Amino acid sequence: METKETGYRVQEYNGPVKRYCQTLDLKDDPELIAEYRKRHSEAESWPEIRNGIRDVGILEMEIYILGTRLFMIVETPLDFDWDSAMKKLASLPLQAEWEEYMSIFQVSEPGASSAEKWKLMDRMFHLYNT
């Protein structure tokens, strides 16, 4: 099992990809956070949601947590259009139901889509090996 101590393996591609980073806050309740983590486990997350994420063109998605703060990394092909993909994702079967199922844990407006809940972040620093 990968952990922050052992590091996380990164998928390798034969070319460059786009990376999007997002954040979302959870309600400050340890029991709710534990349940949120459980619902995102491989055993509990809905296969239709995982498939829908792939169907809109997302290659990789990771969610990290610290306290009540979530941080998501999304990797996509270079020709990926974020707004179009999020509209398509919102229209997929069970997506609205999943968002409602998750909303009891999240600091968000009732009925909000994934794109409305998760806030895209701007990169302000990077360091590459050259």
Protein backbone atom coordinates (compact mmCIF):
# COMPACT_ATOMS: atom_id res chain seq x y z
CA MET A 1 0.00 0.00 0.00
CA GLU A 2 1.31 3.43 -0.92
CA THR A 3 1.51 5.96 1.88
CA LYS A 4 2.97 9.42 2.36
CA GLU A 5 5.95 7.72 3.99
CA THR A 6 6.61 5.38 1.05
CA GLY A 7 5.55 7.84 -1.66
CA TYR A 8 2.95 7.56 -4.40
CA ARG A 9 3.64 6.03 -7.77
CA VAL A 10 2.88 8.32 -10.72
CA GLN A 11 1.46 7.05 -14.00
CA GLU A 12 3.84 7.55 -16.90
CA TYR A 13 2.66 8.53 -20.38
CA ASN A 14 4.45 8.62 -23.72
CA GLY A 15 3.92 12.36 -23.95
CA PRO A 16 2.96 15.46 -22.01
CA VAL A 17 -0.35 15.80 -20.18
CA LYS A 18 -2.32 18.66 -18.66
CA ARG A 19 -2.62 18.79 -14.88
CA TYR A 20 -5.46 20.45 -13.01
CA CYS A 21 -5.40 20.95 -9.23
CA GLN A 22 -8.51 21.60 -7.19
CA THR A 23 -9.53 22.03 -3.57
CA LEU A 24 -12.68 21.46 -1.54
CA ASP A 25 -13.41 21.61 2.18
CA LEU A 26 -15.27 19.00 4.19
CA LYS A 27 -17.44 19.68 7.20
CA ASP A 28 -15.41 19.58 10.41
CA ASP A 29 -16.79 16.33 11.82
CA PRO A 30 -14.44 13.32 12.27
CA GLU A 31 -17.28 10.81 11.81
CA LEU A 32 -18.40 12.44 8.56
CA ILE A 33 -14.81 12.57 7.30
CA ALA A 34 -14.32 8.87 8.10
CA GLU A 35 -17.49 8.04 6.17
CA TYR A 36 -16.42 10.26 3.25
CA ARG A 37 -13.10 8.39 3.07
CA LYS A 38 -14.96 5.06 3.19
CA ARG A 39 -17.28 6.07 0.34
CA HIS A 40 -14.24 6.86 -1.80
CA SER A 41 -12.60 3.49 -1.17
CA GLU A 42 -12.31 1.08 -4.08
CA ALA A 43 -14.90 -1.18 -2.46
CA GLU A 44 -17.46 1.59 -1.83
CA SER A 45 -17.10 4.06 -4.72
CA TRP A 46 -19.57 3.61 -7.53
CA PRO A 47 -18.12 2.03 -10.71
CA GLU A 48 -20.41 4.22 -12.84
CA ILE A 49 -18.77 7.34 -11.39
CA ARG A 50 -15.25 5.99 -12.00
CA ASN A 51 -16.24 5.09 -15.57
CA GLY A 52 -17.83 8.49 -16.16
CA ILE A 53 -14.64 10.24 -15.06
CA ARG A 54 -12.71 8.18 -17.60
CA ASP A 55 -15.40 8.67 -20.28
CA VAL A 56 -15.00 12.47 -20.23
CA GLY A 57 -11.29 12.06 -20.96
CA ILE A 58 -9.64 12.19 -17.54
CA LEU A 59 -6.57 9.96 -17.46
CA GLU A 60 -5.74 10.07 -13.76
CA MET A 61 -7.37 11.50 -10.65
CA GLU A 62 -6.01 11.57 -7.11
CA ILE A 63 -7.55 13.07 -3.98
CA TYR A 64 -5.45 13.90 -0.92
CA ILE A 65 -6.75 14.93 2.50
CA LEU A 66 -5.40 16.94 5.42
CA GLY A 67 -7.91 17.55 8.19
CA THR A 68 -10.97 18.95 6.41
CA ARG A 69 -9.10 20.08 3.27
CA LEU A 70 -9.22 17.99 0.11
CA PHE A 71 -6.75 18.44 -2.74
CA MET A 72 -7.38 16.80 -6.12
CA ILE A 73 -4.95 16.29 -8.98
CA VAL A 74 -6.44 15.56 -12.41
CA GLU A 75 -4.33 14.62 -15.43
CA THR A 76 -5.72 14.80 -18.95
CA PRO A 77 -4.60 14.69 -22.58
CA LEU A 78 -3.35 17.98 -24.03
CA ASP A 79 -6.52 18.47 -26.13
CA PHE A 80 -8.78 18.18 -23.05
CA ASP A 81 -11.29 21.02 -22.59
CA TRP A 82 -12.16 21.40 -18.90
CA ASP A 83 -15.50 23.21 -19.28
CA SER A 84 -16.85 20.82 -21.91
CA ALA A 85 -15.77 17.78 -19.92
CA MET A 86 -17.38 19.06 -16.71
CA LYS A 87 -20.67 19.73 -18.55
CA LYS A 88 -20.58 16.21 -19.98
CA LEU A 89 -19.70 14.73 -16.57
CA ALA A 90 -22.64 16.52 -14.92
CA SER A 91 -25.02 15.00 -17.50
CA LEU A 92 -23.93 11.39 -17.06
CA PRO A 93 -26.26 8.86 -15.40
CA LEU A 94 -25.92 8.77 -11.60
CA GLN A 95 -23.54 11.77 -11.47
CA ALA A 96 -26.13 14.10 -9.88
CA GLU A 97 -27.06 11.32 -7.45
CA TRP A 98 -23.38 10.84 -6.53
CA GLU A 99 -22.97 14.59 -5.95
CA GLU A 100 -26.01 14.57 -3.68
CA TYR A 101 -24.67 11.46 -1.88
CA MET A 102 -21.37 13.30 -1.24
CA SER A 103 -22.86 16.71 -0.43
CA ILE A 104 -23.64 15.89 3.21
CA PHE A 105 -19.88 15.86 3.88
CA GLN A 106 -18.84 18.87 1.82
CA VAL A 107 -18.92 22.60 2.44
CA SER A 108 -20.96 23.48 -0.66
CA GLU A 109 -24.28 24.76 -1.86
CA PRO A 110 -27.14 22.24 -2.09
CA GLY A 111 -27.46 20.76 -5.59
CA ALA A 112 -23.99 21.91 -6.68
CA SER A 113 -22.23 19.99 -9.43
CA SER A 114 -18.70 18.69 -9.05
CA ALA A 115 -17.39 21.64 -11.08
CA GLU A 116 -19.18 24.06 -8.74
CA LYS A 117 -17.90 22.37 -5.55
CA TRP A 118 -14.27 21.80 -6.47
CA LYS A 119 -12.33 25.04 -6.99
CA LEU A 120 -9.56 25.07 -9.59
CA MET A 121 -6.26 26.29 -8.21
CA ASP A 122 -3.51 28.34 -9.90
CA ARG A 123 0.05 27.06 -9.83
CA MET A 124 2.32 29.65 -8.24
CA PHE A 125 5.60 27.70 -8.07
CA HIS A 126 7.31 24.74 -9.67
CA LEU A 127 10.72 23.09 -9.57
CA TYR A 128 11.86 20.72 -12.29
CA ASN A 129 15.05 18.72 -12.70
CA THR A 130 16.74 19.95 -15.84
